[in-house]
Amino acid sequence: MSEPTMAGDVAEMFREQIEYRELLAQMTKRDLLLRYKQTIMGVGWAVFMPLLNTAVFSVIFVRVAPLDTGVPYPLFAFCGLWAWNFLASSLRFSVNSLTGNTSLVTKVYFPREIFPFSSVAVCLVDFAVGSIVLIGLMAYYGVWPGVSIVALPAVLLVHVLFTAAVALLLAMANLFYRDVKYLFEVMLTVWMFATSVVYPTDLIGGRLGAVLGLNPMTPIIDAYRAVLLRGEWPFTPAFIIAAGASVVLLCVSWFTFHRAEYTFAENI
């Protein structure tokens, strides 16, 4: 029997996602209901935490150490936190998505990438809810997007592709090495402050600035601000590189995940 080719694996991966699309929708619905069933604020948590963080950072970077961001700082910060929280929340749920569904992973066959993909889809709902607050803040400060708003779906697509790629890697890594979920929280905090979430990273020069420039989340968040707050087109060289890297990373992580899923049951 001939060895399966990469092209054959890729074709199978996409075929399975189409075949099991209803299962993905059902798992996303289940996770949404479970997530908010016993919470008082429900989806309000998706709004409350970015607003609270915006208030804290606004005190620091408006009154204590003022920054010139080109737009009102609370709007600058909330836009960054809104985009960042989609990534962070998706990864927090994805890292345990396989180990938290052991009975399904070991007993029933379906493409296991549905678990991290479902986590990303659930957080996409939070992301949509948070956009309502962002629109309200834009109206309050009188900041409106221009024609470049038509590029927003492209920015969102790159954001989702990158998030899904990292989610696959984290879910798989945590299955094989259970301490990943503990190291992940530390790394996520460091990653946030290495990204232009609450301050422009281009203010940092030297070697550190060059290292921070390699972070693909910075051009993605900057692209949201360009489209929504500045009326500019997001297709800078940095964003185009981040988009290409996201596509490549998703292909590599998905292919690796698909090849490894046959050993998942042994490592539960």
Protein backbone atom coordinates (compact mmCIF):
# COMPACT_ATOMS: atom_id res chain seq x y z
CA MET A 1 0.00 0.00 0.00
CA SER A 2 1.39 3.40 -0.95
CA GLU A 3 2.04 6.07 1.66
CA PRO A 4 -0.57 8.84 1.88
CA THR A 5 0.57 12.03 0.21
CA MET A 6 0.35 15.53 1.65
CA ALA A 7 -2.04 16.52 -1.14
CA GLY A 8 -4.26 13.58 -0.23
CA ASP A 9 -4.22 14.56 3.43
CA VAL A 10 -5.14 18.15 2.62
CA ALA A 11 -8.01 17.02 0.43
CA GLU A 12 -9.23 14.72 3.20
CA MET A 13 -8.99 17.50 5.80
CA PHE A 14 -11.22 19.83 3.79
CA ARG A 15 -13.62 17.05 2.83
CA GLU A 16 -14.09 16.11 6.48
CA GLN A 17 -14.71 19.70 7.52
CA ILE A 18 -17.48 19.98 4.94
CA GLU A 19 -18.92 16.61 5.92
CA TYR A 20 -18.91 17.43 9.66
CA ARG A 21 -19.91 21.11 9.40
CA GLU A 22 -23.17 20.47 11.27
CA LEU A 23 -21.23 18.88 14.12
CA LEU A 24 -19.05 21.98 14.34
CA ALA A 25 -22.18 24.14 14.52
CA GLN A 26 -23.70 21.94 17.24
CA MET A 27 -20.52 21.95 19.33
CA THR A 28 -20.26 25.70 19.03
CA LYS A 29 -23.87 26.04 20.17
CA ARG A 30 -23.24 23.63 23.06
CA ASP A 31 -20.14 25.50 24.21
CA LEU A 32 -21.95 28.84 24.04
CA LEU A 33 -24.81 27.53 26.19
CA LEU A 34 -22.48 25.88 28.72
CA ARG A 35 -20.26 28.92 28.92
CA TYR A 36 -23.01 31.35 29.85
CA LYS A 37 -25.57 29.06 31.50
CA GLN A 38 -24.49 29.81 35.09
CA THR A 39 -23.13 33.33 34.71
CA ILE A 40 -25.02 36.44 35.79
CA MET A 41 -23.72 38.74 33.07
CA GLY A 42 -23.67 36.18 30.25
CA VAL A 43 -22.12 37.67 27.13
CA GLY A 44 -21.71 40.89 29.10
CA TRP A 45 -18.36 39.52 30.26
CA ALA A 46 -17.16 39.95 26.69
CA VAL A 47 -17.78 43.68 27.12
CA PHE A 48 -17.00 44.23 30.80
CA MET A 49 -13.37 43.04 30.84
CA PRO A 50 -12.17 45.10 27.84
CA LEU A 51 -13.94 48.16 29.28
CA LEU A 52 -12.36 47.63 32.70
CA ASN A 53 -8.90 47.20 31.19
CA THR A 54 -9.46 50.24 28.99
CA ALA A 55 -10.29 52.33 32.07
CA VAL A 56 -7.16 51.13 33.89
CA PHE A 57 -4.79 51.75 30.98
CA SER A 58 -6.45 55.09 30.24
CA VAL A 59 -5.53 56.31 33.73
CA ILE A 60 -1.93 55.24 33.15
CA PHE A 61 -1.42 56.50 29.61
CA VAL A 62 -3.58 59.63 29.80
CA ARG A 63 -2.82 61.02 33.26
CA VAL A 64 0.40 59.37 34.44
CA ALA A 65 2.42 58.82 31.25
CA PRO A 66 0.52 60.45 28.34
CA LEU A 67 0.87 58.90 24.90
CA ASP A 68 0.15 60.46 21.52
CA THR A 69 -1.79 57.78 19.65
CA GLY A 70 -3.43 59.99 17.02
CA VAL A 71 -6.93 59.15 18.31
CA PRO A 72 -8.51 59.45 21.79
CA TYR A 73 -6.59 56.99 23.96
CA PRO A 74 -9.64 55.12 25.39
CA LEU A 75 -10.72 54.40 21.81
CA PHE A 76 -7.18 53.34 20.85
CA ALA A 77 -6.94 51.02 23.87
CA PHE A 78 -10.40 49.48 23.56
CA CYS A 79 -9.88 48.69 19.88
CA GLY A 80 -6.61 46.91 20.73
CA LEU A 81 -8.08 45.05 23.71
CA TRP A 82 -11.15 44.08 21.68
CA ALA A 83 -8.98 42.47 18.99
CA TRP A 84 -6.54 40.96 21.47
CA ASN A 85 -9.25 39.41 23.65
CA PHE A 86 -10.56 37.45 20.68
CA LEU A 87 -7.17 35.79 20.30
CA ALA A 88 -6.58 35.35 24.04
CA SER A 89 -10.05 33.93 24.78
CA SER A 90 -9.89 31.59 21.80
CA LEU A 91 -6.55 30.20 22.94
CA ARG A 92 -7.67 29.85 26.58
CA PHE A 93 -10.59 27.67 25.52
CA SER A 94 -8.63 25.83 22.83
CA VAL A 95 -5.76 24.76 25.07
CA ASN A 96 -8.13 22.49 27.04
CA SER A 97 -10.45 21.63 24.17
CA LEU A 98 -9.06 18.11 23.66
CA THR A 99 -8.28 17.19 27.27
CA GLY A 100 -11.70 18.46 28.34
CA ASN A 101 -13.55 16.15 25.92
CA THR A 102 -11.78 12.86 26.58
CA SER A 103 -14.85 10.66 26.11
CA LEU A 104 -15.47 12.03 22.63
CA VAL A 105 -11.82 11.97 21.63
CA THR A 106 -11.38 8.30 22.59
CA LYS A 107 -14.72 6.77 21.56
CA VAL A 108 -16.18 8.52 18.54
CA TYR A 109 -14.49 9.33 15.24
CA PHE A 110 -14.74 12.76 13.69
CA PRO A 111 -12.06 15.33 12.80
CA ARG A 112 -10.63 16.37 16.17
CA GLU A 113 -9.78 19.86 14.93
CA ILE A 114 -13.46 20.60 15.42
CA PHE A 115 -12.71 21.14 19.12
CA PRO A 116 -10.27 24.06 18.74
CA PHE A 117 -12.22 25.41 15.77
CA SER A 118 -15.36 25.42 17.93
CA SER A 119 -13.51 27.38 20.64
CA VAL A 120 -12.53 30.01 18.07
CA ALA A 121 -16.12 30.19 16.77
CA VAL A 122 -17.51 30.71 20.28
CA CYS A 123 -15.10 33.58 20.92
CA LEU A 124 -16.02 35.07 17.57
CA VAL A 125 -19.49 35.61 19.03
CA ASP A 126 -17.93 37.54 21.94
CA PHE A 127 -15.93 39.51 19.39
CA ALA A 128 -19.13 40.50 17.59
CA VAL A 129 -20.75 41.58 20.88
CA GLY A 130 -17.70 43.69 21.75
CA SER A 131 -17.93 45.46 18.40
CA ILE A 132 -21.18 47.08 19.58
CA VAL A 133 -19.29 48.85 22.37
CA LEU A 134 -16.54 49.86 19.96
CA ILE A 135 -19.12 51.44 17.67
CA GLY A 136 -20.58 53.28 20.66
CA LEU A 137 -17.15 54.65 21.62
CA MET A 138 -16.50 55.72 18.04
CA ALA A 139 -19.81 57.58 18.02
CA TYR A 140 -19.01 59.22 21.37
CA TYR A 141 -15.64 60.50 20.16
CA GLY A 142 -16.91 61.36 16.69
CA VAL A 143 -14.53 58.98 14.93
CA TRP A 144 -15.91 57.26 11.84
CA PRO A 145 -14.25 54.97 9.28
CA GLY A 146 -13.86 55.94 5.65
CA VAL A 147 -14.03 53.95 2.45
CA SER A 148 -11.31 51.66 3.77
CA ILE A 149 -13.97 49.95 5.95
CA VAL A 150 -14.49 47.58 3.01
CA ALA A 151 -11.13 46.02 3.93
CA LEU A 152 -12.37 45.01 7.39
CA PRO A 153 -13.40 41.47 6.32
CA ALA A 154 -9.86 40.87 5.03
CA VAL A 155 -8.39 41.97 8.37
CA LEU A 156 -10.84 39.74 10.25
CA LEU A 157 -10.04 36.78 7.99
CA VAL A 158 -6.31 37.08 8.67
CA HIS A 159 -7.05 37.42 12.41
CA VAL A 160 -9.20 34.26 12.42
CA LEU A 161 -6.70 32.25 10.35
CA PHE A 162 -3.83 33.15 12.69
CA THR A 163 -5.93 32.43 15.80
CA ALA A 164 -7.07 29.06 14.45
CA ALA A 165 -3.50 28.09 13.60
CA VAL A 166 -2.20 28.82 17.11
CA ALA A 167 -5.30 27.16 18.66
CA LEU A 168 -4.55 23.89 16.84
CA LEU A 169 -0.94 23.88 18.03
CA LEU A 170 -1.86 24.67 21.64
CA ALA A 171 -4.63 22.06 21.84
CA MET A 172 -2.31 19.39 20.47
CA ALA A 173 0.66 20.44 22.65
CA ASN A 174 -1.43 20.41 25.83
CA LEU A 175 -2.63 16.89 25.07
CA PHE A 176 0.95 15.58 24.91
CA TYR A 177 2.43 17.84 27.61
CA ARG A 178 -0.09 18.84 30.29
CA ASP A 179 2.04 21.63 31.75
CA VAL A 180 1.56 23.62 28.54
CA LYS A 181 -1.64 25.15 29.91
CA TYR A 182 0.27 26.62 32.87
CA LEU A 183 3.13 28.02 30.79
CA PHE A 184 0.59 29.35 28.30
CA GLU A 185 -0.88 31.91 30.73
CA VAL A 186 2.55 33.39 31.42
CA MET A 187 3.40 33.51 27.74
CA LEU A 188 0.05 35.11 26.91
CA THR A 189 0.66 37.97 29.34
CA VAL A 190 4.14 38.60 27.94
CA TRP A 191 2.79 38.35 24.38
CA MET A 192 0.13 40.98 25.10
CA PHE A 193 2.67 43.56 26.24
CA ALA A 194 4.85 42.70 23.25
CA THR A 195 1.93 43.63 20.98
CA SER A 196 0.52 47.09 20.19
CA VAL A 197 -2.54 46.43 22.35
CA VAL A 198 -2.34 49.38 24.77
CA TYR A 199 0.60 51.33 23.35
CA PRO A 200 2.20 51.76 19.90
CA THR A 201 5.15 49.38 19.72
CA ASP A 202 6.80 51.56 17.06
CA LEU A 203 7.78 53.89 19.92
CA ILE A 204 10.34 51.27 20.94
CA GLY A 205 13.56 51.32 18.96
CA GLY A 206 16.78 49.34 18.98
CA ARG A 207 17.04 45.58 19.13
CA LEU A 208 13.94 45.22 21.29
CA GLY A 209 11.91 47.18 18.75
CA ALA A 210 13.22 44.94 15.96
CA VAL A 211 12.19 41.83 17.93
CA LEU A 212 8.73 43.24 18.65
CA GLY A 213 8.36 43.95 14.94
CA LEU A 214 8.37 40.18 14.29
CA ASN A 215 5.13 39.76 16.27
CA PRO A 216 2.35 39.03 13.73
CA MET A 217 -0.40 40.27 16.07
CA THR A 218 0.89 43.86 15.99
CA PRO A 219 0.19 44.47 12.27
CA ILE A 220 -3.17 42.72 12.65
CA ILE A 221 -4.25 45.01 15.51
CA ASP A 222 -2.78 48.03 13.72
CA ALA A 223 -4.82 47.05 10.66
CA TYR A 224 -8.04 47.20 12.71
CA ARG A 225 -7.12 50.68 13.93
CA ALA A 226 -6.18 51.80 10.42
CA VAL A 227 -9.52 50.68 8.98
CA LEU A 228 -11.81 51.67 11.86
CA LEU A 229 -10.19 54.67 13.51
CA ARG A 230 -7.98 56.34 10.92
CA GLY A 231 -9.77 55.68 7.64
CA GLU A 232 -6.61 54.18 6.15
CA TRP A 233 -6.03 51.08 4.07
CA PRO A 234 -4.49 48.24 6.12
CA PHE A 235 -2.36 46.64 3.41
CA THR A 236 1.05 47.64 4.73
CA PRO A 237 4.07 45.40 4.07
CA ALA A 238 3.93 44.21 7.70
CA PHE A 239 0.25 43.22 7.39
CA ILE A 240 0.80 41.43 4.08
CA ILE A 241 3.66 39.45 5.63
CA ALA A 242 1.47 38.64 8.66
CA ALA A 243 -1.31 37.49 6.32
CA GLY A 244 1.03 35.20 4.40
CA ALA A 245 2.53 33.85 7.62
CA SER A 246 -0.97 33.14 8.99
CA VAL A 247 -1.91 31.09 5.94
CA VAL A 248 1.34 29.11 6.05
CA LEU A 249 1.08 28.57 9.82
CA LEU A 250 -2.50 27.34 9.53
CA CYS A 251 -1.59 24.89 6.78
CA VAL A 252 1.38 23.54 8.74
CA SER A 253 -0.44 23.33 12.09
CA TRP A 254 -3.56 21.76 10.57
CA PHE A 255 -1.55 19.20 8.63
CA THR A 256 0.50 18.36 11.76
CA PHE A 257 -2.67 18.11 13.86
CA HIS A 258 -4.32 15.84 11.29
CA ARG A 259 -1.32 13.50 11.16
CA ALA A 260 -1.08 13.34 14.98
CA GLU A 261 -4.77 12.86 15.79
CA TYR A 262 -4.51 9.09 15.39
CA THR A 263 -2.32 9.02 18.52
CA PHE A 264 -4.54 11.32 20.62
CA ALA A 265 -6.44 8.49 22.31
CA GLU A 266 -3.17 7.00 23.56
CA ASN A 267 -2.21 10.24 25.31
CA ILE A 268 -5.51 11.11 27.02
